[in-house]
C-alpha atoms as a PDB file:
ATOM      1  CA  MET A   1     227.802 231.843-159.720  1.00  0.00           C
ATOM      2  CA  THR A   2     225.370 232.793-156.931  1.00  0.00           C
ATOM      3  CA  ALA A   3     221.729 232.638-157.988  1.00  0.00           C
ATOM      4  CA  ALA A   4     219.741 235.861-157.907  1.00  0.00           C
ATOM      5  CA  PRO A   5     217.720 236.179-154.683  1.00  0.00           C
ATOM      6  CA  ARG A   6     214.020 235.465-154.860  1.00  0.00           C
ATOM      7  CA  THR A   7     211.551 238.182-153.908  1.00  0.00           C
ATOM      8  CA  GLY A   8     207.872 238.343-153.034  1.00  0.00           C
ATOM      9  CA  PRO A   9     205.886 235.415-151.636  1.00  0.00           C
ATOM     10  CA  GLU A  10     208.378 232.930-153.085  1.00  0.00           C
ATOM     11  CA  ALA A  11     211.309 234.364-151.116  1.00  0.00           C
ATOM     12  CA  PRO A  12     212.814 232.219-148.383  1.00  0.00           C
ATOM     13  CA  LEU A  13     212.455 233.411-144.812  1.00  0.00           C
ATOM     14  CA  LEU A  14     216.158 234.238-144.674  1.00  0.00           C
ATOM     15  CA  GLU A  15     218.733 234.367-147.427  1.00  0.00           C
ATOM     16  CA  ALA A  16     222.362 235.386-147.054  1.00  0.00           C
ATOM     17  CA  THR A  17     224.579 235.698-150.108  1.00  0.00           C
ATOM     18  CA  GLY A  18     228.315 236.146-150.438  1.00  0.00           C
ATOM     19  CA  ILE A  19     228.948 236.613-146.713  1.00  0.00           C
ATOM     20  CA  THR A  20     232.627 237.377-146.174  1.00  0.00           C
ATOM     21  CA  LYS A  21     234.335 238.242-142.907  1.00  0.00           C
ATOM     22  CA  ARG A  22     238.025 238.918-142.303  1.00  0.00           C
ATOM     23  CA  TYR A  23     239.958 239.558-139.135  1.00  0.00           C
ATOM     24  CA  GLY A  24     243.187 241.094-140.348  1.00  0.00           C
ATOM     25  CA  ARG A  25     244.715 238.567-142.730  1.00  0.00           C
ATOM     26  CA  PHE A  26     242.525 235.747-141.475  1.00  0.00           C
ATOM     27  CA  THR A  27     239.395 235.017-143.525  1.00  0.00           C
ATOM     28  CA  ALA A  28     236.741 233.609-141.202  1.00  0.00           C
ATOM     29  CA  LEU A  29     234.038 233.419-143.910  1.00  0.00           C
ATOM     30  CA  ASP A  30     234.643 233.357-147.650  1.00  0.00           C
ATOM     31  CA  ALA A  31     231.582 234.191-149.795  1.00  0.00           C
ATOM     32  CA  VAL A  32     229.191 231.940-147.838  1.00  0.00           C
ATOM     33  CA  ASP A  33     225.582 231.569-148.997  1.00  0.00           C
ATOM     34  CA  LEU A  34     222.741 230.476-146.711  1.00  0.00           C
ATOM     35  CA  ARG A  35     219.020 229.959-147.244  1.00  0.00           C
ATOM     36  CA  ILE A  36     216.343 229.054-144.705  1.00  0.00           C
ATOM     37  CA  GLU A  37     212.765 228.363-145.724  1.00  0.00           C
ATOM     38  CA  ALA A  38     209.892 229.096-143.349  1.00  0.00           C
ATOM     39  CA  GLY A  39     209.273 226.306-140.845  1.00  0.00           C
ATOM     40  CA  ARG A  40     212.526 224.496-141.658  1.00  0.00           C
ATOM     41  CA  THR A  41     215.771 223.837-139.825  1.00  0.00           C
ATOM     42  CA  VAL A  42     219.139 224.405-141.450  1.00  0.00           C
ATOM     43  CA  SER A  43     222.187 223.204-139.540  1.00  0.00           C
ATOM     44  CA  ILE A  44     225.672 224.604-140.032  1.00  0.00           C
ATOM     45  CA  VAL A  45     228.176 221.879-139.203  1.00  0.00           C
ATOM     46  CA  GLY A  46     231.897 222.141-138.707  1.00  0.00           C
ATOM     47  CA  GLU A  47     234.719 221.916-136.229  1.00  0.00           C
ATOM     48  CA  SER A  48     235.798 224.756-133.950  1.00  0.00           C
ATOM     49  CA  GLY A  49     237.212 227.588-136.018  1.00  0.00           C
ATOM     50  CA  SER A  50     235.289 226.705-139.166  1.00  0.00           C
ATOM     51  CA  GLY A  51     233.295 229.975-139.039  1.00  0.00           C
ATOM     52  CA  LYS A  52     229.964 228.653-137.758  1.00  0.00           C
ATOM     53  CA  SER A  53     229.454 231.071-134.892  1.00  0.00           C
ATOM     54  CA  THR A  54     230.773 233.997-136.916  1.00  0.00           C
ATOM     55  CA  LEU A  55     228.108 233.299-139.532  1.00  0.00           C
ATOM     56  CA  ALA A  56     225.402 233.144-136.842  1.00  0.00           C
ATOM     57  CA  ARG A  57     226.521 236.434-135.320  1.00  0.00           C
ATOM     58  CA  ILE A  58     226.508 238.128-138.716  1.00  0.00           C
ATOM     59  CA  VAL A  59     223.057 236.789-139.575  1.00  0.00           C
ATOM     60  CA  VAL A  60     221.571 238.061-136.306  1.00  0.00           C
ATOM     61  CA  GLY A  61     223.353 241.406-136.603  1.00  0.00           C
ATOM     62  CA  LEU A  62     225.844 241.093-133.745  1.00  0.00           C
ATOM     63  CA  GLU A  63     228.704 241.486-136.243  1.00  0.00           C
ATOM     64  CA  ARG A  64     228.999 243.203-139.611  1.00  0.00           C
ATOM     65  CA  ALA A  65     230.160 241.326-142.680  1.00  0.00           C
ATOM     66  CA  ASP A  66     232.900 242.774-144.860  1.00  0.00           C
ATOM     67  CA  ALA A  67     230.898 241.745-147.925  1.00  0.00           C
ATOM     68  CA  GLY A  68     227.589 240.093-148.709  1.00  0.00           C
ATOM     69  CA  THR A  69     223.896 240.696-148.091  1.00  0.00           C
ATOM     70  CA  VAL A  70     221.351 239.328-145.625  1.00  0.00           C
ATOM     71  CA  ARG A  71     217.726 239.348-146.785  1.00  0.00           C
ATOM     72  CA  PHE A  72     214.663 238.623-144.673  1.00  0.00           C
ATOM     73  CA  ARG A  73     211.534 237.676-146.627  1.00  0.00           C
ATOM     74  CA  GLY A  74     213.280 238.934-149.741  1.00  0.00           C
ATOM     75  CA  GLU A  75     214.162 242.394-148.412  1.00  0.00           C
ATOM     76  CA  PRO A  76     217.759 243.413-147.591  1.00  0.00           C
ATOM     77  CA  VAL A  77     218.354 244.022-143.891  1.00  0.00           C
ATOM     78  CA  ARG A  78     219.778 247.517-144.251  1.00  0.00           C
ATOM     79  CA  GLY A  79     219.211 250.692-142.339  1.00  0.00           C
ATOM     80  CA  ARG A  80     218.293 251.245-138.714  1.00  0.00           C
ATOM     81  CA  ARG A  81     214.568 250.604-139.087  1.00  0.00           C
ATOM     82  CA  ALA A  82     215.040 247.378-141.081  1.00  0.00           C
ATOM     83  CA  ARG A  83     217.631 246.058-138.629  1.00  0.00           C
ATOM     84  CA  LYS A  84     215.391 246.779-135.639  1.00  0.00           C
ATOM     85  CA  ALA A  85     212.411 245.011-137.240  1.00  0.00           C
ATOM     86  CA  PHE A  86     214.633 242.091-138.194  1.00  0.00           C
ATOM     87  CA  ARG A  87     216.018 241.692-134.673  1.00  0.00           C
ATOM     88  CA  ARG A  88     212.495 241.511-133.338  1.00  0.00           C
ATOM     89  CA  SER A  89     211.834 238.646-135.771  1.00  0.00           C
ATOM     90  CA  VAL A  90     214.918 236.689-134.688  1.00  0.00           C
ATOM     91  CA  GLY A  91     215.701 235.046-131.344  1.00  0.00           C
ATOM     92  CA  MET A  92     219.023 233.575-130.277  1.00  0.00           C
ATOM     93  CA  VAL A  93     220.022 230.780-127.916  1.00  0.00           C
ATOM     94  CA  PHE A  94     223.689 230.665-126.986  1.00  0.00           C
ATOM     95  CA  GLN A  95     225.962 227.785-126.044  1.00  0.00           C
ATOM     96  CA  ASP A  96     226.546 228.220-122.328  1.00  0.00           C
ATOM     97  CA  PRO A  97     223.418 228.777-120.208  1.00  0.00           C
ATOM     98  CA  TYR A  98     225.612 229.650-117.233  1.00  0.00           C
ATOM     99  CA  GLU A  99     227.087 232.617-119.128  1.00  0.00           C
ATOM    100  CA  SER A 100     223.918 233.608-120.999  1.00  0.00           C
ATOM    101  CA  ILE A 101     221.872 234.751-117.991  1.00  0.00           C
ATOM    102  CA  ASP A 102     222.988 237.728-115.931  1.00  0.00           C
ATOM    103  CA  PRO A 103     223.247 236.407-112.346  1.00  0.00           C
ATOM    104  CA  ARG A 104     222.016 239.796-111.097  1.00  0.00           C
ATOM    105  CA  MET A 105     218.664 239.235-112.838  1.00  0.00           C
ATOM    106  CA  THR A 106     215.836 236.978-111.762  1.00  0.00           C
ATOM    107  CA  ILE A 107     214.755 234.503-114.421  1.00  0.00           C
ATOM    108  CA  GLY A 108     211.641 236.582-115.003  1.00  0.00           C
ATOM    109  CA  GLU A 109     213.736 239.687-115.609  1.00  0.00           C
ATOM    110  CA  ALA A 110     215.950 237.735-118.007  1.00  0.00           C
ATOM    111  CA  VAL A 111     212.968 236.528-120.030  1.00  0.00           C
ATOM    112  CA  ALA A 112     211.467 240.026-120.055  1.00  0.00           C
ATOM    113  CA  GLU A 113     214.679 241.638-121.307  1.00  0.00           C
ATOM    114  CA  PRO A 114     213.750 241.505-125.051  1.00  0.00           C
ATOM    115  CA  LEU A 115     210.257 242.781-124.231  1.00  0.00           C
ATOM    116  CA  ARG A 116     211.734 245.842-122.539  1.00  0.00           C
ATOM    117  CA  ALA A 117     214.211 246.374-125.376  1.00  0.00           C
ATOM    118  CA  HIS A 118     211.431 246.403-127.987  1.00  0.00           C
ATOM    119  CA  GLY A 119     208.782 248.096-125.843  1.00  0.00           C
ATOM    120  CA  LEU A 120     206.440 245.100-126.015  1.00  0.00           C
ATOM    121  CA  HIS A 121     203.709 243.878-123.625  1.00  0.00           C
ATOM    122  CA  ARG A 122     203.991 246.889-121.327  1.00  0.00           C
ATOM    123  CA  ALA A 123     200.543 246.306-119.833  1.00  0.00           C
ATOM    124  CA  ASP A 124     200.753 242.537-119.444  1.00  0.00           C
ATOM    125  CA  ARG A 125     204.489 241.864-119.228  1.00  0.00           C
ATOM    126  CA  ALA A 126     204.255 239.653-116.140  1.00  0.00           C
ATOM    127  CA  ALA A 127     201.605 237.492-117.802  1.00  0.00           C
ATOM    128  CA  ARG A 128     203.736 237.228-120.937  1.00  0.00           C
ATOM    129  CA  VAL A 129     206.737 236.076-118.909  1.00  0.00           C
ATOM    130  CA  ARG A 130     204.592 233.459-117.170  1.00  0.00           C
ATOM    131  CA  GLU A 131     203.306 232.232-120.544  1.00  0.00           C
ATOM    132  CA  LEU A 132     206.849 231.914-121.912  1.00  0.00           C
ATOM    133  CA  LEU A 133     208.168 230.030-118.892  1.00  0.00           C
ATOM    134  CA  ASP A 134     205.232 227.613-119.089  1.00  0.00           C
ATOM    135  CA  ALA A 135     205.870 227.084-122.817  1.00  0.00           C
ATOM    136  CA  VAL A 136     209.386 225.772-122.144  1.00  0.00           C
ATOM    137  CA  GLY A 137     208.435 223.399-119.336  1.00  0.00           C
ATOM    138  CA  MET A 138     209.030 225.728-116.363  1.00  0.00           C
ATOM    139  CA  GLU A 139     205.458 225.544-115.085  1.00  0.00           C
ATOM    140  CA  GLY A 140     205.110 226.610-111.481  1.00  0.00           C
ATOM    141  CA  VAL A 141     208.613 228.084-111.296  1.00  0.00           C
ATOM    142  CA  PRO A 142     208.358 231.604-109.841  1.00  0.00           C
ATOM    143  CA  PRO A 143     209.733 234.354-112.097  1.00  0.00           C
ATOM    144  CA  GLU A 144     211.281 235.908-108.972  1.00  0.00           C
ATOM    145  CA  ALA A 145     213.702 232.952-108.657  1.00  0.00           C
ATOM    146  CA  TRP A 146     217.418 233.566-109.151  1.00  0.00           C
ATOM    147  CA  PRO A 147     219.315 231.629-111.833  1.00  0.00           C
ATOM    148  CA  HIS A 148     221.814 230.073-109.405  1.00  0.00           C
ATOM    149  CA  ARG A 149     218.999 227.812-108.183  1.00  0.00           C
ATOM    150  CA  PHE A 150     218.733 226.000-111.506  1.00  0.00           C
ATOM    151  CA  SER A 151     220.596 223.323-113.423  1.00  0.00           C
ATOM    152  CA  GLY A 152     222.152 223.882-116.848  1.00  0.00           C
ATOM    153  CA  GLY A 153     219.165 222.339-118.594  1.00  0.00           C
ATOM    154  CA  GLN A 154     216.706 224.518-116.684  1.00  0.00           C
ATOM    155  CA  ARG A 155     218.750 227.618-117.426  1.00  0.00           C
ATOM    156  CA  GLN A 156     218.774 226.731-121.113  1.00  0.00           C
ATOM    157  CA  ARG A 157     214.981 226.501-120.985  1.00  0.00           C
ATOM    158  CA  VAL A 158     214.949 230.033-119.580  1.00  0.00           C
ATOM    159  CA  CYS A 159     217.217 231.127-122.439  1.00  0.00           C
ATOM    160  CA  ILE A 160     214.848 229.542-124.947  1.00  0.00           C
ATOM    161  CA  ALA A 161     211.907 231.340-123.309  1.00  0.00           C
ATOM    162  CA  ARG A 162     213.825 234.612-123.653  1.00  0.00           C
ATOM    163  CA  ALA A 163     214.535 233.864-127.332  1.00  0.00           C
ATOM    164  CA  LEU A 164     210.786 233.411-127.914  1.00  0.00           C
ATOM    165  CA  ALA A 165     209.751 236.589-126.103  1.00  0.00           C
ATOM    166  CA  THR A 166     209.183 238.726-129.222  1.00  0.00           C
ATOM    167  CA  ASP A 167     207.400 235.954-131.163  1.00  0.00           C
ATOM    168  CA  PRO A 168     210.274 235.493-133.621  1.00  0.00           C
ATOM    169  CA  GLU A 169     209.941 233.625-136.889  1.00  0.00           C
ATOM    170  CA  LEU A 170     213.581 232.496-136.814  1.00  0.00           C
ATOM    171  CA  VAL A 171     215.599 231.236-133.849  1.00  0.00           C
ATOM    172  CA  ILE A 172     219.371 230.913-134.106  1.00  0.00           C
ATOM    173  CA  CYS A 173     220.738 228.181-131.863  1.00  0.00           C
ATOM    174  CA  ASP A 174     224.519 228.397-131.394  1.00  0.00           C
ATOM    175  CA  GLU A 175     225.632 225.035-129.951  1.00  0.00           C
ATOM    176  CA  PRO A 176     222.685 225.094-127.499  1.00  0.00           C
ATOM    177  CA  THR A 177     223.227 221.559-126.185  1.00  0.00           C
ATOM    178  CA  SER A 178     227.000 221.174-126.182  1.00  0.00           C
ATOM    179  CA  ALA A 179     227.410 222.295-122.547  1.00  0.00           C
ATOM    180  CA  LEU A 180     224.725 219.896-121.293  1.00  0.00           C
ATOM    181  CA  ASP A 181     224.685 216.256-120.215  1.00  0.00           C
ATOM    182  CA  VAL A 182     223.548 213.777-122.872  1.00  0.00           C
ATOM    183  CA  SER A 183     220.166 213.088-121.253  1.00  0.00           C
ATOM    184  CA  VAL A 184     219.510 216.813-120.883  1.00  0.00           C
ATOM    185  CA  GLN A 185     220.562 217.389-124.492  1.00  0.00           C
ATOM    186  CA  ALA A 186     217.791 215.036-125.569  1.00  0.00           C
ATOM    187  CA  GLN A 187     215.219 216.938-123.518  1.00  0.00           C
ATOM    188  CA  ILE A 188     216.262 220.293-124.987  1.00  0.00           C
ATOM    189  CA  LEU A 189     216.195 218.938-128.547  1.00  0.00           C
ATOM    190  CA  ASN A 190     212.725 217.526-127.959  1.00  0.00           C
ATOM    191  CA  LEU A 191     211.604 220.897-126.609  1.00  0.00           C
ATOM    192  CA  LEU A 192     212.953 222.720-129.672  1.00  0.00           C
ATOM    193  CA  LEU A 193     211.206 220.302-132.020  1.00  0.00           C
ATOM    194  CA  ASP A 194     207.939 220.652-130.100  1.00  0.00           C
ATOM    195  CA  LEU A 195     208.151 224.448-130.170  1.00  0.00           C
ATOM    196  CA  GLN A 196     208.816 224.337-133.905  1.00  0.00           C
ATOM    197  CA  ARG A 197     205.708 222.228-134.492  1.00  0.00           C
ATOM    198  CA  ARG A 198     203.503 224.412-132.307  1.00  0.00           C
ATOM    199  CA  ARG A 199     204.792 227.801-133.399  1.00  0.00           C
ATOM    200  CA  GLY A 200     205.955 227.240-136.978  1.00  0.00           C
ATOM    201  CA  LEU A 201     209.488 228.329-136.127  1.00  0.00           C
ATOM    202  CA  SER A 202     212.489 228.196-138.408  1.00  0.00           C
ATOM    203  CA  TYR A 203     215.882 227.341-136.921  1.00  0.00           C
ATOM    204  CA  LEU A 204     219.455 228.069-137.847  1.00  0.00           C
ATOM    205  CA  PHE A 205     221.272 225.442-135.811  1.00  0.00           C
ATOM    206  CA  ILE A 206     225.016 225.760-135.256  1.00  0.00           C
ATOM    207  CA  THR A 207     226.765 222.593-134.123  1.00  0.00           C
ATOM    208  CA  HIS A 208     229.782 220.361-134.470  1.00  0.00           C
ATOM    209  CA  ASP A 209     227.766 217.302-133.416  1.00  0.00           C
ATOM    210  CA  LEU A 210     226.347 215.262-136.299  1.00  0.00           C
ATOM    211  CA  ASP A 211     224.407 213.145-133.838  1.00  0.00           C
ATOM    212  CA  VAL A 212     222.434 216.297-133.005  1.00  0.00           C
ATOM    213  CA  VAL A 213     222.112 217.150-136.701  1.00  0.00           C
ATOM    214  CA  ARG A 214     220.294 213.886-137.379  1.00  0.00           C
ATOM    215  CA  ARG A 215     217.579 214.773-134.919  1.00  0.00           C
ATOM    216  CA  ILE A 216     216.913 218.409-135.647  1.00  0.00           C
ATOM    217  CA  SER A 217     217.771 219.220-139.269  1.00  0.00           C
ATOM    218  CA  ASP A 218     216.019 219.419-142.595  1.00  0.00           C
ATOM    219  CA  GLU A 219     219.039 220.715-144.510  1.00  0.00           C
ATOM    220  CA  VAL A 220     222.730 220.793-143.611  1.00  0.00           C
ATOM    221  CA  ASP A 221     225.597 223.022-144.725  1.00  0.00           C
ATOM    222  CA  VAL A 222     229.085 221.716-143.936  1.00  0.00           C
ATOM    223  CA  LEU A 223     231.544 224.522-143.246  1.00  0.00           C
ATOM    224  CA  LEU A 224     235.308 224.096-143.496  1.00  0.00           C
ATOM    225  CA  ARG A 225     237.709 227.003-142.990  1.00  0.00           C
ATOM    226  CA  GLY A 226     235.024 229.537-143.830  1.00  0.00           C
ATOM    227  CA  ARG A 227     233.662 227.832-146.938  1.00  0.00           C
ATOM    228  CA  VAL A 228     230.658 225.590-147.530  1.00  0.00           C
ATOM    229  CA  VAL A 229     232.143 222.335-148.835  1.00  0.00           C
ATOM    230  CA  GLU A 230     228.940 220.289-148.898  1.00  0.00           C
ATOM    231  CA  ARG A 231     225.219 221.003-148.771  1.00  0.00           C
ATOM    232  CA  GLY A 232     222.179 218.732-148.792  1.00  0.00           C
ATOM    233  CA  THR A 233     219.337 217.267-146.804  1.00  0.00           C
ATOM    234  CA  ALA A 234     220.136 215.760-143.414  1.00  0.00           C
ATOM    235  CA  GLU A 235     219.632 212.314-144.912  1.00  0.00           C
ATOM    236  CA  GLU A 236     221.936 212.990-147.861  1.00  0.00           C
ATOM    237  CA  ILE A 237     224.696 214.448-145.735  1.00  0.00           C
ATOM    238  CA  THR A 238     224.648 211.784-143.043  1.00  0.00           C
ATOM    239  CA  ASP A 239     223.795 208.716-145.163  1.00  0.00           C
ATOM    240  CA  SER A 240     226.115 209.340-148.092  1.00  0.00           C
ATOM    241  CA  PRO A 241     228.483 212.273-147.540  1.00  0.00           C
ATOM    242  CA  GLY A 242     230.436 213.214-150.621  1.00  0.00           C
ATOM    243  CA  HIS A 243     233.205 215.319-149.122  1.00  0.00           C
ATOM    244  CA  ALA A 244     236.104 213.778-147.227  1.00  0.00           C
ATOM    245  CA  TYR A 245     235.746 216.330-144.437  1.00  0.00           C
ATOM    246  CA  THR A 246     232.093 215.394-143.864  1.00  0.00           C
ATOM    247  CA  GLN A 247     233.088 211.741-143.851  1.00  0.00           C
ATOM    248  CA  ARG A 248     235.631 212.475-141.119  1.00  0.00           C
ATOM    249  CA  LEU A 249     233.023 214.290-139.055  1.00  0.00           C
ATOM    250  CA  LEU A 250     230.714 211.302-139.375  1.00  0.00           C
ATOM    251  CA  GLY A 251     233.537 208.979-138.463  1.00  0.00           C
ATOM    252  CA  ALA A 252     233.859 210.743-135.124  1.00  0.00           C
ATOM    253  CA  VAL A 253     230.377 209.514-134.074  1.00  0.00           C
ATOM    254  CA  PRO A 254     230.609 206.187-132.170  1.00  0.00           C
ATOM    255  CA  ALA A 255     229.457 203.471-134.566  1.00  0.00           C
ATOM    256  CA  ASP A 256     228.088 201.320-131.758  1.00  0.00           C
ATOM    257  CA  SER A 257     225.648 203.999-130.654  1.00  0.00           C
ATOM    258  CA  PRO A 258     222.025 202.985-131.359  1.00  0.00           C
ATOM    259  CA  ARG A 259     221.447 206.582-132.411  1.00  0.00           C
ATOM    260  CA  ARG A 260     224.052 206.072-135.149  1.00  0.00           C
ATOM    261  CA  ARG A 261     221.527 203.955-137.059  1.00  0.00           C
ATOM    262  CA  ARG A 262     218.927 206.706-137.146  1.00  0.00           C
ATOM    263  CA  ILE A 263     220.807 208.832-139.615  1.00  0.00           C
ATOM    264  CA  GLY A 264     218.867 211.697-141.100  1.00  0.00           C
ATOM    265  CA  LYS A 265     215.675 211.045-139.168  1.00  0.00           C
ATOM    266  CA  ARG A 266     214.102 213.745-137.000  1.00  0.00           C
ATOM    267  CA  LEU A 267     213.063 211.412-134.192  1.00  0.00           C
ATOM    268  CA  ASP A 268     212.230 212.410-130.661  1.00  0.00           C
ATOM    269  CA  VAL A 269     214.472 210.884-128.028  1.00  0.00           C
ATOM    270  CA  ASP A 270     213.035 209.180-125.002  1.00  0.00           C
ATOM    271  CA  CYS A 271     213.991 211.170-121.917  1.00  0.00           C
END
């Protein structure tokens, strides 16, 4: 039985209960619950097709669930006004930085896109864009530059800057490092951890990579065919997984990797 949602100051930042999504006869999500406390990172782990990205899209409002409720700070996200306020409080970083930025926009225009959508920083928009680019390690890069000039890692930094534009409390990261080289992955993870420390962000992190989970997560939900089959802290899930599916996911990580021995620890990676 699903526990009753908490309200008031004790409510988690985000709580989703009973989220169900069907596409015809296929059930992508089957009564999934999710809870994210302020300042924490929850990772959703699973193979392709497990329902991870569908859950992220429903949480952020890009898709509608067939059943279930999403609450933000204890209040249901229902109605036009509530959804608009919620979207301002949530940023999203997608998987492929080459697809995420419109090539017809400069990087400054891309970062400013959420500001225009929400009518924010009209008087000082250029200064806000400069501040955001600096915050993600793009100091000195002109906002007038076109995205084709930049590497995948640099483009992902631009995408992170765009996700931070409205000062969100929650950032949803949908496989944000999977399209990047290993060394660049480490840099992006370090950036996300640093931004979390400085800004008090919460993350919903979608990934199939348990090596990434060890670095970024506080709690982990393991998703299999649209259902959560295991839930626990990053240390519990990666040190002593109880479900056979989680054990198989862990078994896919090379045992001879030095990172393999840092299970469950949120350690920065030397770049």
